[in-house]
């Protein structure tokens, strides 16, 4: 089963684009899916994005806790995350958050380094015409993306 929960993605237009891409991938692959499509930006900003430096571990914890709870509720033996394929994420922090969430819910966390598959996953998505995001989703990462290009505030 594929699960969608991404309160971190901003702005709303980007959130809708990513949800549409998720739904398209699920449809193409014939996967069962559960979608928590509450766009709870207030929650994200209050609980996760209160500091630029601490946002990622809090975001990982929130999202993986929800995924683990959903996996347990669905009777799944294990869960994993697409965060583990990105070379931009803090791999060790994701692994730690996943392990803690798994222990709390009594399910296994499939902890693998999927980063070697990153380029291939992008190629497959492009070949299928599925949208690929340009930043993790939060407002800080969007700003960082433009700063690296010499755009915002430069």
C-alpha atoms as a PDB file:
ATOM      1  CA  UNK A   1       0.000   0.000   0.000  1.00  0.00           C
ATOM      2  CA  UNK A   2       1.167   3.511  -0.791  1.00  0.00           C
ATOM      3  CA  UNK A   3       0.423   6.240   1.748  1.00  0.00           C
ATOM      4  CA  UNK A   4       0.302   9.996   1.256  1.00  0.00           C
ATOM      5  CA  UNK A   5       0.758  12.421   4.138  1.00  0.00           C
ATOM      6  CA  UNK A   6       2.701  15.588   3.378  1.00  0.00           C
ATOM      7  CA  UNK A   7       1.657  18.642   5.414  1.00  0.00           C
ATOM      8  CA  UNK A   8       5.127  20.076   4.767  1.00  0.00           C
ATOM      9  CA  UNK A   9       4.567  20.817   1.082  1.00  0.00           C
ATOM     10  CA  UNK A  10       4.037  24.469   0.277  1.00  0.00           C
ATOM     11  CA  UNK A  11       2.605  26.374  -1.445  1.00  0.00           C
ATOM     12  CA  UNK A  12      -0.794  24.781  -1.936  1.00  0.00           C
ATOM     13  CA  UNK A  13      -0.376  24.626  -5.720  1.00  0.00           C
ATOM     14  CA  UNK A  14       2.775  22.516  -5.245  1.00  0.00           C
ATOM     15  CA  UNK A  15       0.942  20.310  -2.762  1.00  0.00           C
ATOM     16  CA  UNK A  16      -1.794  19.621  -5.338  1.00  0.00           C
ATOM     17  CA  UNK A  17       0.770  18.890  -8.079  1.00  0.00           C
ATOM     18  CA  UNK A  18       2.536  16.338  -5.881  1.00  0.00           C
ATOM     19  CA  UNK A  19      -0.695  14.705  -4.797  1.00  0.00           C
ATOM     20  CA  UNK A  20      -1.714  14.400  -8.459  1.00  0.00           C
ATOM     21  CA  UNK A  21       1.685  12.801  -9.241  1.00  0.00           C
ATOM     22  CA  UNK A  22       1.225  10.373  -6.330  1.00  0.00           C
ATOM     23  CA  UNK A  23      -2.240   9.444  -7.581  1.00  0.00           C
ATOM     24  CA  UNK A  24      -0.927   8.943 -11.111  1.00  0.00           C
ATOM     25  CA  UNK A  25       1.920   6.680  -9.929  1.00  0.00           C
ATOM     26  CA  UNK A  26      -0.490   4.652  -7.797  1.00  0.00           C
ATOM     27  CA  UNK A  27      -2.896   4.308 -10.716  1.00  0.00           C
ATOM     28  CA  UNK A  28      -0.171   3.233 -13.138  1.00  0.00           C
ATOM     29  CA  UNK A  29       1.267   0.664 -10.739  1.00  0.00           C
ATOM     30  CA  UNK A  30      -2.115  -0.622  -9.572  1.00  0.00           C
ATOM     31  CA  UNK A  31      -1.257  -0.108  -5.918  1.00  0.00           C
ATOM     32  CA  UNK A  32      -3.726   0.226  -3.095  1.00  0.00           C
ATOM     33  CA  UNK A  33      -3.403   3.682  -1.583  1.00  0.00           C
ATOM     34  CA  UNK A  34      -4.433   5.683   1.435  1.00  0.00           C
ATOM     35  CA  UNK A  35      -4.411   9.457   1.229  1.00  0.00           C
ATOM     36  CA  UNK A  36      -4.441  11.838   4.154  1.00  0.00           C
ATOM     37  CA  UNK A  37      -4.974  14.940   2.075  1.00  0.00           C
ATOM     38  CA  UNK A  38      -5.533  17.475   4.825  1.00  0.00           C
ATOM     39  CA  UNK A  39      -3.515  20.503   3.874  1.00  0.00           C
ATOM     40  CA  UNK A  40      -2.708  21.420   7.450  1.00  0.00           C
ATOM     41  CA  UNK A  41      -0.206  24.207   6.923  1.00  0.00           C
ATOM     42  CA  UNK A  42      -1.001  25.729  10.349  1.00  0.00           C
ATOM     43  CA  UNK A  43      -0.051  22.474  12.061  1.00  0.00           C
ATOM     44  CA  UNK A  44       3.137  22.156  10.042  1.00  0.00           C
ATOM     45  CA  UNK A  45       4.252  25.708  10.756  1.00  0.00           C
ATOM     46  CA  UNK A  46       3.395  25.487  14.458  1.00  0.00           C
ATOM     47  CA  UNK A  47       4.847  22.031  15.159  1.00  0.00           C
ATOM     48  CA  UNK A  48       7.601  21.506  12.618  1.00  0.00           C
ATOM     49  CA  UNK A  49       8.792  24.662  10.933  1.00  0.00           C
ATOM     50  CA  UNK A  50       9.403  26.727  14.072  1.00  0.00           C
ATOM     51  CA  UNK A  51      13.114  26.801  13.351  1.00  0.00           C
ATOM     52  CA  UNK A  52      15.008  26.476  10.126  1.00  0.00           C
ATOM     53  CA  UNK A  53      17.710  24.311  11.702  1.00  0.00           C
ATOM     54  CA  UNK A  54      15.448  21.820  13.487  1.00  0.00           C
ATOM     55  CA  UNK A  55      12.754  21.451  10.890  1.00  0.00           C
ATOM     56  CA  UNK A  56      13.916  18.308   9.070  1.00  0.00           C
ATOM     57  CA  UNK A  57      14.146  15.925  12.039  1.00  0.00           C
ATOM     58  CA  UNK A  58      10.742  17.143  13.281  1.00  0.00           C
ATOM     59  CA  UNK A  59       9.252  16.731   9.815  1.00  0.00           C
ATOM     60  CA  UNK A  60      10.675  13.218   9.466  1.00  0.00           C
ATOM     61  CA  UNK A  61       9.352  12.292  12.902  1.00  0.00           C
ATOM     62  CA  UNK A  62       5.847  13.578  12.166  1.00  0.00           C
ATOM     63  CA  UNK A  63       5.513  12.022   8.728  1.00  0.00           C
ATOM     64  CA  UNK A  64       7.063   8.662   9.630  1.00  0.00           C
ATOM     65  CA  UNK A  65       5.000   8.419  12.813  1.00  0.00           C
ATOM     66  CA  UNK A  66       1.862   8.832  10.721  1.00  0.00           C
ATOM     67  CA  UNK A  67       3.092   6.279   8.182  1.00  0.00           C
ATOM     68  CA  UNK A  68       3.928   3.741  10.888  1.00  0.00           C
ATOM     69  CA  UNK A  69       0.538   4.209  12.531  1.00  0.00           C
ATOM     70  CA  UNK A  70      -1.182   3.724   9.189  1.00  0.00           C
ATOM     71  CA  UNK A  71       0.892   0.620   8.438  1.00  0.00           C
ATOM     72  CA  UNK A  72      -0.046  -0.856  11.816  1.00  0.00           C
ATOM     73  CA  UNK A  73      -3.727  -0.012  11.318  1.00  0.00           C
ATOM     74  CA  UNK A  74      -3.694  -1.692   7.897  1.00  0.00           C
ATOM     75  CA  UNK A  75      -1.996  -4.810   9.260  1.00  0.00           C
ATOM     76  CA  UNK A  76       1.197  -4.246   7.280  1.00  0.00           C
ATOM     77  CA  UNK A  77       4.343  -5.950   8.511  1.00  0.00           C
ATOM     78  CA  UNK A  78       6.601  -3.047   7.572  1.00  0.00           C
ATOM     79  CA  UNK A  79       6.773   0.394   6.032  1.00  0.00           C
ATOM     80  CA  UNK A  80       9.420   2.552   4.392  1.00  0.00           C
ATOM     81  CA  UNK A  81       9.658   6.018   2.894  1.00  0.00           C
ATOM     82  CA  UNK A  82      10.604   7.678  -0.367  1.00  0.00           C
ATOM     83  CA  UNK A  83      12.785   9.996   1.725  1.00  0.00           C
ATOM     84  CA  UNK A  84      15.397   7.234   1.641  1.00  0.00           C
ATOM     85  CA  UNK A  85      15.945   7.643  -2.104  1.00  0.00           C
ATOM     86  CA  UNK A  86      16.830  11.325  -1.958  1.00  0.00           C
ATOM     87  CA  UNK A  87      20.446  12.405  -1.833  1.00  0.00           C
ATOM     88  CA  UNK A  88      19.258  15.701  -0.323  1.00  0.00           C
ATOM     89  CA  UNK A  89      17.726  14.266   2.864  1.00  0.00           C
ATOM     90  CA  UNK A  90      19.582  13.563   6.110  1.00  0.00           C
ATOM     91  CA  UNK A  91      19.702   9.785   5.675  1.00  0.00           C
ATOM     92  CA  UNK A  92      20.692   9.027   9.271  1.00  0.00           C
ATOM     93  CA  UNK A  93      17.934  11.269  10.664  1.00  0.00           C
ATOM     94  CA  UNK A  94      15.361   9.552   8.431  1.00  0.00           C
ATOM     95  CA  UNK A  95      16.580   6.132   9.580  1.00  0.00           C
ATOM     96  CA  UNK A  96      16.368   7.174  13.220  1.00  0.00           C
ATOM     97  CA  UNK A  97      12.880   8.630  12.871  1.00  0.00           C
ATOM     98  CA  UNK A  98      11.707   5.532  11.010  1.00  0.00           C
ATOM     99  CA  UNK A  99      13.127   3.174  13.643  1.00  0.00           C
ATOM    100  CA  UNK A 100      11.489   5.112  16.487  1.00  0.00           C
ATOM    101  CA  UNK A 101       8.139   5.237  14.683  1.00  0.00           C
ATOM    102  CA  UNK A 102       8.307   1.514  13.941  1.00  0.00           C
ATOM    103  CA  UNK A 103       9.052   0.661  17.569  1.00  0.00           C
ATOM    104  CA  UNK A 104       6.187   2.836  18.787  1.00  0.00           C
ATOM    105  CA  UNK A 105       3.687   1.151  16.451  1.00  0.00           C
ATOM    106  CA  UNK A 106       4.991  -2.420  16.527  1.00  0.00           C
ATOM    107  CA  UNK A 107       5.801  -2.669  12.820  1.00  0.00           C
ATOM    108  CA  UNK A 108       9.135  -3.039  11.055  1.00  0.00           C
ATOM    109  CA  UNK A 109      10.837  -0.182   9.249  1.00  0.00           C
ATOM    110  CA  UNK A 110      12.422  -1.162   5.940  1.00  0.00           C
ATOM    111  CA  UNK A 111      15.644   0.780   6.372  1.00  0.00           C
ATOM    112  CA  UNK A 112      17.551   0.721   3.107  1.00  0.00           C
ATOM    113  CA  UNK A 113      19.806   3.101   1.290  1.00  0.00           C
ATOM    114  CA  UNK A 114      17.809   3.630  -1.888  1.00  0.00           C
ATOM    115  CA  UNK A 115      19.938   6.613  -2.975  1.00  0.00           C
ATOM    116  CA  UNK A 116      21.780   4.611  -5.668  1.00  0.00           C
ATOM    117  CA  UNK A 117      18.361   4.313  -7.380  1.00  0.00           C
ATOM    118  CA  UNK A 118      17.753   8.079  -7.415  1.00  0.00           C
ATOM    119  CA  UNK A 119      18.782   8.734 -11.028  1.00  0.00           C
ATOM    120  CA  UNK A 120      16.866   5.697 -12.302  1.00  0.00           C
ATOM    121  CA  UNK A 121      13.732   6.715 -10.406  1.00  0.00           C
ATOM    122  CA  UNK A 122      13.900  10.176 -11.968  1.00  0.00           C
ATOM    123  CA  UNK A 123      14.352   8.689 -15.424  1.00  0.00           C
ATOM    124  CA  UNK A 124      11.349   6.410 -14.941  1.00  0.00           C
ATOM    125  CA  UNK A 125       9.192   9.279 -13.693  1.00  0.00           C
ATOM    126  CA  UNK A 126      10.197  11.459 -16.646  1.00  0.00           C
ATOM    127  CA  UNK A 127       9.490   8.607 -19.073  1.00  0.00           C
ATOM    128  CA  UNK A 128       6.015   8.231 -17.563  1.00  0.00           C
ATOM    129  CA  UNK A 129       5.404  11.976 -17.603  1.00  0.00           C
ATOM    130  CA  UNK A 130       5.051  12.110 -13.817  1.00  0.00           C
ATOM    131  CA  UNK A 131       5.881  15.411 -12.146  1.00  0.00           C
ATOM    132  CA  UNK A 132       9.199  15.611 -10.282  1.00  0.00           C
ATOM    133  CA  UNK A 133       9.546  18.192  -7.533  1.00  0.00           C
ATOM    134  CA  UNK A 134      12.430  20.611  -7.321  1.00  0.00           C
ATOM    135  CA  UNK A 135      12.645  20.864  -3.522  1.00  0.00           C
ATOM    136  CA  UNK A 136      11.605  18.853  -0.457  1.00  0.00           C
ATOM    137  CA  UNK A 137       8.423  20.804   0.018  1.00  0.00           C
ATOM    138  CA  UNK A 138       8.753  23.162   2.938  1.00  0.00           C
ATOM    139  CA  UNK A 139       9.045  26.901   2.568  1.00  0.00           C
ATOM    140  CA  UNK A 140      12.642  26.859   3.763  1.00  0.00           C
ATOM    141  CA  UNK A 141      13.747  24.359   1.159  1.00  0.00           C
ATOM    142  CA  UNK A 142      11.991  26.317  -1.572  1.00  0.00           C
ATOM    143  CA  UNK A 143      13.899  29.425  -0.540  1.00  0.00           C
ATOM    144  CA  UNK A 144      17.176  27.475  -0.454  1.00  0.00           C
ATOM    145  CA  UNK A 145      16.528  26.192  -3.960  1.00  0.00           C
ATOM    146  CA  UNK A 146      16.252  29.726  -5.355  1.00  0.00           C
ATOM    147  CA  UNK A 147      19.210  31.028  -3.334  1.00  0.00           C
ATOM    148  CA  UNK A 148      21.412  28.292  -4.804  1.00  0.00           C
ATOM    149  CA  UNK A 149      20.390  29.474  -8.265  1.00  0.00           C
ATOM    150  CA  UNK A 150      21.264  33.078  -7.376  1.00  0.00           C
ATOM    151  CA  UNK A 151      17.626  34.201  -7.313  1.00  0.00           C
ATOM    152  CA  UNK A 152      16.000  35.206  -4.018  1.00  0.00           C
ATOM    153  CA  UNK A 153      17.831  37.863  -2.007  1.00  0.00           C
ATOM    154  CA  UNK A 154      20.947  37.779  -4.169  1.00  0.00           C
END
